[in-house]
N, C-alpha and C. Protein backbone atom coordinates (compact mmCIF):
# COMPACT_ATOMS: atom_id res chain seq x y z
N UNK A 1 -61.20 24.12 -166.76
CA UNK A 1 -60.27 25.22 -166.93
C UNK A 1 -58.85 24.71 -166.72
N UNK A 2 -57.94 25.16 -167.56
CA UNK A 2 -56.55 24.73 -167.48
C UNK A 2 -55.69 25.77 -166.76
N UNK A 3 -54.72 25.26 -166.01
CA UNK A 3 -53.80 26.10 -165.26
C UNK A 3 -52.38 25.62 -165.52
N UNK A 4 -51.40 26.50 -165.32
CA UNK A 4 -50.00 26.08 -165.39
C UNK A 4 -49.18 26.93 -164.43
N UNK A 5 -48.10 26.35 -163.96
CA UNK A 5 -47.19 27.05 -163.06
C UNK A 5 -45.86 26.32 -163.06
N UNK A 6 -44.84 26.97 -162.55
CA UNK A 6 -43.54 26.34 -162.34
C UNK A 6 -43.28 26.29 -160.84
N UNK A 7 -42.71 25.20 -160.39
CA UNK A 7 -42.42 25.05 -158.97
C UNK A 7 -41.30 24.06 -158.73
N UNK A 8 -40.79 24.09 -157.51
CA UNK A 8 -39.68 23.22 -157.13
C UNK A 8 -40.19 21.96 -156.45
N UNK A 9 -39.64 20.84 -156.82
CA UNK A 9 -39.99 19.55 -156.23
C UNK A 9 -39.35 19.45 -154.85
N UNK A 10 -40.12 19.00 -153.87
CA UNK A 10 -39.59 18.80 -152.51
C UNK A 10 -40.10 17.48 -151.95
N UNK A 11 -39.39 16.99 -150.94
CA UNK A 11 -39.73 15.72 -150.28
C UNK A 11 -40.33 16.02 -148.92
N UNK A 12 -41.44 15.36 -148.59
CA UNK A 12 -42.09 15.50 -147.30
C UNK A 12 -41.14 15.10 -146.19
N UNK A 13 -41.00 15.95 -145.17
CA UNK A 13 -40.03 15.72 -144.10
C UNK A 13 -40.48 14.67 -143.09
N UNK A 14 -41.72 14.21 -143.16
CA UNK A 14 -42.25 13.27 -142.19
C UNK A 14 -41.88 11.82 -142.44
N UNK A 15 -40.96 11.57 -143.33
CA UNK A 15 -40.56 10.20 -143.63
C UNK A 15 -41.21 9.70 -144.91
N UNK A 16 -40.75 8.57 -145.36
CA UNK A 16 -41.27 8.02 -146.60
C UNK A 16 -40.66 8.74 -147.79
N UNK A 17 -41.22 8.50 -148.92
CA UNK A 17 -40.69 9.13 -150.13
C UNK A 17 -41.80 9.87 -150.87
N UNK A 18 -42.48 10.76 -150.16
CA UNK A 18 -43.55 11.56 -150.73
C UNK A 18 -42.96 12.83 -151.34
N UNK A 19 -43.16 13.00 -152.63
CA UNK A 19 -42.66 14.16 -153.35
C UNK A 19 -43.83 15.07 -153.72
N UNK A 20 -43.61 16.38 -153.62
CA UNK A 20 -44.66 17.36 -153.89
C UNK A 20 -44.11 18.58 -154.61
N UNK A 21 -45.04 19.36 -155.17
CA UNK A 21 -44.75 20.69 -155.68
C UNK A 21 -45.82 21.60 -155.09
N UNK A 22 -45.41 22.74 -154.53
CA UNK A 22 -46.35 23.69 -153.94
C UNK A 22 -46.80 24.69 -154.99
N UNK A 23 -48.10 24.91 -155.06
CA UNK A 23 -48.65 25.89 -156.01
C UNK A 23 -48.33 27.30 -155.53
N UNK A 24 -48.12 28.25 -156.46
CA UNK A 24 -47.95 29.65 -156.07
C UNK A 24 -49.21 30.15 -155.35
N UNK A 25 -49.05 31.08 -154.43
CA UNK A 25 -50.18 31.54 -153.62
C UNK A 25 -51.32 32.14 -154.45
N UNK A 26 -51.00 32.92 -155.49
CA UNK A 26 -52.07 33.51 -156.29
C UNK A 26 -52.90 32.44 -156.99
N UNK A 27 -52.25 31.41 -157.47
CA UNK A 27 -52.97 30.31 -158.12
C UNK A 27 -53.78 29.52 -157.08
N UNK A 28 -53.20 29.29 -155.91
CA UNK A 28 -53.92 28.58 -154.84
C UNK A 28 -55.17 29.35 -154.43
N UNK A 29 -55.06 30.67 -154.36
CA UNK A 29 -56.23 31.49 -154.00
C UNK A 29 -57.33 31.35 -155.05
N UNK A 30 -56.95 31.33 -156.33
CA UNK A 30 -57.94 31.17 -157.40
C UNK A 30 -58.60 29.80 -157.33
N UNK A 31 -57.81 28.76 -157.11
CA UNK A 31 -58.35 27.39 -157.01
C UNK A 31 -59.30 27.30 -155.82
N UNK A 32 -58.91 27.88 -154.68
CA UNK A 32 -59.75 27.83 -153.49
C UNK A 32 -61.08 28.55 -153.74
N UNK A 33 -61.05 29.68 -154.42
CA UNK A 33 -62.28 30.41 -154.72
C UNK A 33 -63.19 29.61 -155.65
N UNK A 34 -62.61 28.96 -156.64
CA UNK A 34 -63.40 28.17 -157.60
C UNK A 34 -63.98 26.91 -156.97
N UNK A 35 -63.31 26.38 -155.96
CA UNK A 35 -63.72 25.10 -155.38
C UNK A 35 -64.49 25.24 -154.07
N UNK A 36 -64.82 26.45 -153.67
CA UNK A 36 -65.50 26.67 -152.39
C UNK A 36 -66.71 25.75 -152.24
N UNK A 37 -66.69 24.96 -151.17
CA UNK A 37 -67.79 24.05 -150.86
C UNK A 37 -67.84 22.79 -151.71
N UNK A 38 -66.84 22.57 -152.56
CA UNK A 38 -66.86 21.42 -153.46
C UNK A 38 -65.66 20.50 -153.28
N UNK A 39 -64.93 20.65 -152.20
CA UNK A 39 -63.74 19.81 -152.00
C UNK A 39 -64.12 18.44 -151.46
N UNK A 40 -63.18 17.52 -151.56
CA UNK A 40 -63.37 16.16 -151.08
C UNK A 40 -62.66 16.02 -149.73
N UNK A 41 -62.42 14.79 -149.29
CA UNK A 41 -61.74 14.55 -148.03
C UNK A 41 -60.40 15.26 -147.93
N UNK A 42 -60.08 15.76 -146.76
CA UNK A 42 -58.84 16.50 -146.49
C UNK A 42 -58.74 17.77 -147.33
N UNK A 43 -59.87 18.27 -147.83
CA UNK A 43 -59.88 19.48 -148.65
C UNK A 43 -59.29 19.27 -150.03
N UNK A 44 -59.28 18.02 -150.49
CA UNK A 44 -58.64 17.70 -151.77
C UNK A 44 -59.52 18.08 -152.96
N UNK A 45 -58.84 18.31 -154.08
CA UNK A 45 -59.50 18.67 -155.33
C UNK A 45 -58.89 17.80 -156.43
N UNK A 46 -59.73 17.04 -157.12
CA UNK A 46 -59.23 16.15 -158.18
C UNK A 46 -58.77 16.96 -159.40
N UNK A 47 -57.61 16.54 -159.94
CA UNK A 47 -57.05 17.19 -161.12
C UNK A 47 -56.46 16.16 -162.08
N UNK A 48 -56.31 16.58 -163.31
CA UNK A 48 -55.54 15.85 -164.32
C UNK A 48 -54.29 16.70 -164.51
N UNK A 49 -53.11 16.14 -164.21
CA UNK A 49 -51.87 16.91 -164.23
C UNK A 49 -50.94 16.42 -165.33
N UNK A 50 -50.02 17.31 -165.75
CA UNK A 50 -49.05 16.95 -166.78
C UNK A 50 -47.73 17.64 -166.50
N UNK A 51 -46.66 16.86 -166.60
CA UNK A 51 -45.29 17.37 -166.60
C UNK A 51 -44.62 16.74 -167.81
N UNK A 52 -44.09 17.55 -168.69
CA UNK A 52 -43.48 17.02 -169.91
C UNK A 52 -44.53 16.26 -170.71
N UNK A 53 -44.20 15.01 -171.04
CA UNK A 53 -45.13 14.18 -171.82
C UNK A 53 -45.95 13.24 -170.95
N UNK A 54 -45.80 13.35 -169.63
CA UNK A 54 -46.50 12.45 -168.72
C UNK A 54 -47.74 13.12 -168.12
N UNK A 55 -48.87 12.44 -168.25
CA UNK A 55 -50.14 12.91 -167.70
C UNK A 55 -50.65 11.90 -166.68
N UNK A 56 -51.22 12.38 -165.57
CA UNK A 56 -51.75 11.47 -164.56
C UNK A 56 -52.89 12.12 -163.79
N UNK A 57 -53.72 11.30 -163.19
CA UNK A 57 -54.81 11.76 -162.33
C UNK A 57 -54.33 11.78 -160.89
N UNK A 58 -54.64 12.85 -160.18
CA UNK A 58 -54.23 12.99 -158.79
C UNK A 58 -55.15 14.01 -158.12
N UNK A 59 -54.78 14.48 -156.97
CA UNK A 59 -55.54 15.51 -156.26
C UNK A 59 -54.60 16.56 -155.72
N UNK A 60 -55.08 17.78 -155.64
CA UNK A 60 -54.39 18.84 -154.92
C UNK A 60 -54.85 18.75 -153.47
N UNK A 61 -53.94 19.02 -152.54
CA UNK A 61 -54.27 19.00 -151.12
C UNK A 61 -53.93 20.34 -150.50
N UNK A 62 -54.80 20.85 -149.66
CA UNK A 62 -54.54 22.10 -148.96
C UNK A 62 -53.47 21.84 -147.91
N UNK A 63 -52.47 22.72 -147.87
CA UNK A 63 -51.36 22.58 -146.93
C UNK A 63 -51.32 23.81 -146.02
N UNK A 64 -51.60 23.61 -144.75
CA UNK A 64 -51.64 24.72 -143.80
C UNK A 64 -50.27 25.37 -143.63
N UNK A 65 -49.22 24.56 -143.66
CA UNK A 65 -47.88 25.09 -143.43
C UNK A 65 -47.49 26.13 -144.49
N UNK A 66 -47.79 25.85 -145.74
CA UNK A 66 -47.44 26.78 -146.82
C UNK A 66 -48.58 27.73 -147.17
N UNK A 67 -49.77 27.50 -146.59
CA UNK A 67 -50.97 28.28 -146.91
C UNK A 67 -51.26 28.24 -148.41
N UNK A 68 -51.07 27.05 -148.98
CA UNK A 68 -51.28 26.86 -150.41
C UNK A 68 -51.80 25.45 -150.65
N UNK A 69 -51.83 25.04 -151.91
CA UNK A 69 -52.12 23.64 -152.26
C UNK A 69 -50.82 22.97 -152.65
N UNK A 70 -50.76 21.66 -152.44
CA UNK A 70 -49.61 20.89 -152.87
C UNK A 70 -50.08 19.81 -153.85
N UNK A 71 -49.22 19.53 -154.82
CA UNK A 71 -49.48 18.53 -155.84
C UNK A 71 -48.53 17.36 -155.62
N UNK A 72 -49.04 16.16 -155.32
CA UNK A 72 -48.16 15.01 -155.14
C UNK A 72 -47.64 14.50 -156.48
N UNK A 73 -46.39 14.05 -156.49
CA UNK A 73 -45.78 13.48 -157.69
C UNK A 73 -45.63 11.97 -157.51
N UNK A 74 -46.33 11.21 -158.31
CA UNK A 74 -46.22 9.75 -158.24
C UNK A 74 -44.84 9.30 -158.70
N UNK A 75 -44.41 8.16 -158.18
CA UNK A 75 -43.11 7.61 -158.53
C UNK A 75 -42.99 7.41 -160.04
N UNK A 76 -44.04 6.92 -160.67
CA UNK A 76 -44.01 6.67 -162.11
C UNK A 76 -43.75 7.97 -162.88
N UNK A 77 -44.32 9.06 -162.42
CA UNK A 77 -44.12 10.35 -163.06
C UNK A 77 -42.67 10.79 -162.89
N UNK A 78 -42.17 10.68 -161.67
CA UNK A 78 -40.78 11.09 -161.40
C UNK A 78 -39.80 10.29 -162.24
N UNK A 79 -40.03 8.98 -162.35
CA UNK A 79 -39.12 8.14 -163.12
C UNK A 79 -39.21 8.43 -164.61
N UNK A 80 -40.42 8.55 -165.14
CA UNK A 80 -40.57 8.75 -166.58
C UNK A 80 -40.00 10.10 -167.04
N UNK A 81 -40.06 11.10 -166.18
CA UNK A 81 -39.56 12.43 -166.53
C UNK A 81 -38.19 12.73 -165.91
N UNK A 82 -37.62 11.74 -165.21
CA UNK A 82 -36.30 11.88 -164.57
C UNK A 82 -36.25 13.09 -163.64
N UNK A 83 -37.24 13.16 -162.75
CA UNK A 83 -37.37 14.29 -161.83
C UNK A 83 -36.71 13.99 -160.49
N UNK A 84 -36.14 15.03 -159.89
CA UNK A 84 -35.47 14.89 -158.59
C UNK A 84 -35.87 16.06 -157.68
N UNK A 85 -35.75 15.84 -156.38
CA UNK A 85 -36.02 16.90 -155.41
C UNK A 85 -35.09 18.08 -155.69
N UNK A 86 -35.63 19.29 -155.55
CA UNK A 86 -34.86 20.50 -155.79
C UNK A 86 -34.96 21.00 -157.22
N UNK A 87 -35.45 20.18 -158.11
CA UNK A 87 -35.58 20.55 -159.52
C UNK A 87 -36.83 21.40 -159.72
N UNK A 88 -36.73 22.43 -160.56
CA UNK A 88 -37.88 23.26 -160.90
C UNK A 88 -38.50 22.71 -162.18
N UNK A 89 -39.83 22.55 -162.17
CA UNK A 89 -40.52 21.99 -163.33
C UNK A 89 -41.77 22.81 -163.65
N UNK A 90 -42.20 22.71 -164.90
CA UNK A 90 -43.46 23.34 -165.32
C UNK A 90 -44.55 22.30 -165.24
N UNK A 91 -45.65 22.66 -164.60
CA UNK A 91 -46.79 21.76 -164.40
C UNK A 91 -48.01 22.37 -165.09
N UNK A 92 -48.76 21.53 -165.79
CA UNK A 92 -50.06 21.92 -166.32
C UNK A 92 -51.09 21.04 -165.64
N UNK A 93 -52.26 21.60 -165.33
CA UNK A 93 -53.31 20.77 -164.75
C UNK A 93 -54.68 21.36 -165.03
N UNK A 94 -55.68 20.50 -164.94
CA UNK A 94 -57.07 20.94 -165.06
C UNK A 94 -57.86 20.32 -163.93
N UNK A 95 -58.84 21.06 -163.44
CA UNK A 95 -59.73 20.57 -162.39
C UNK A 95 -60.70 19.60 -163.05
N UNK A 96 -60.92 18.44 -162.45
CA UNK A 96 -61.74 17.43 -163.11
C UNK A 96 -63.14 17.27 -162.54
N UNK A 97 -63.43 17.88 -161.39
CA UNK A 97 -64.74 17.67 -160.79
C UNK A 97 -65.48 18.96 -160.45
N UNK A 98 -65.04 20.08 -160.93
CA UNK A 98 -65.72 21.34 -160.61
C UNK A 98 -66.43 21.87 -161.83
């Protein structure tokens, strides 16, 4: 099943250069319901994601602070699409293991 949403890119405050986008709560609730009992380590869910013309394999991670899922952005994705923190982007993704 395919999903899409728009979200703002942010940098993890714990150091390093980890970039993420938080899923909207209604979408996170739907993903959680579909994946009940089928998550991997750290509650992760494998996805195939796309921003612009760039597609990559990654995982969604449950984030207690936001009560949602977060999508990590690889450096290669950020560079190829010229993405920066604070920028709003449209993301498409599909669940790959459910």
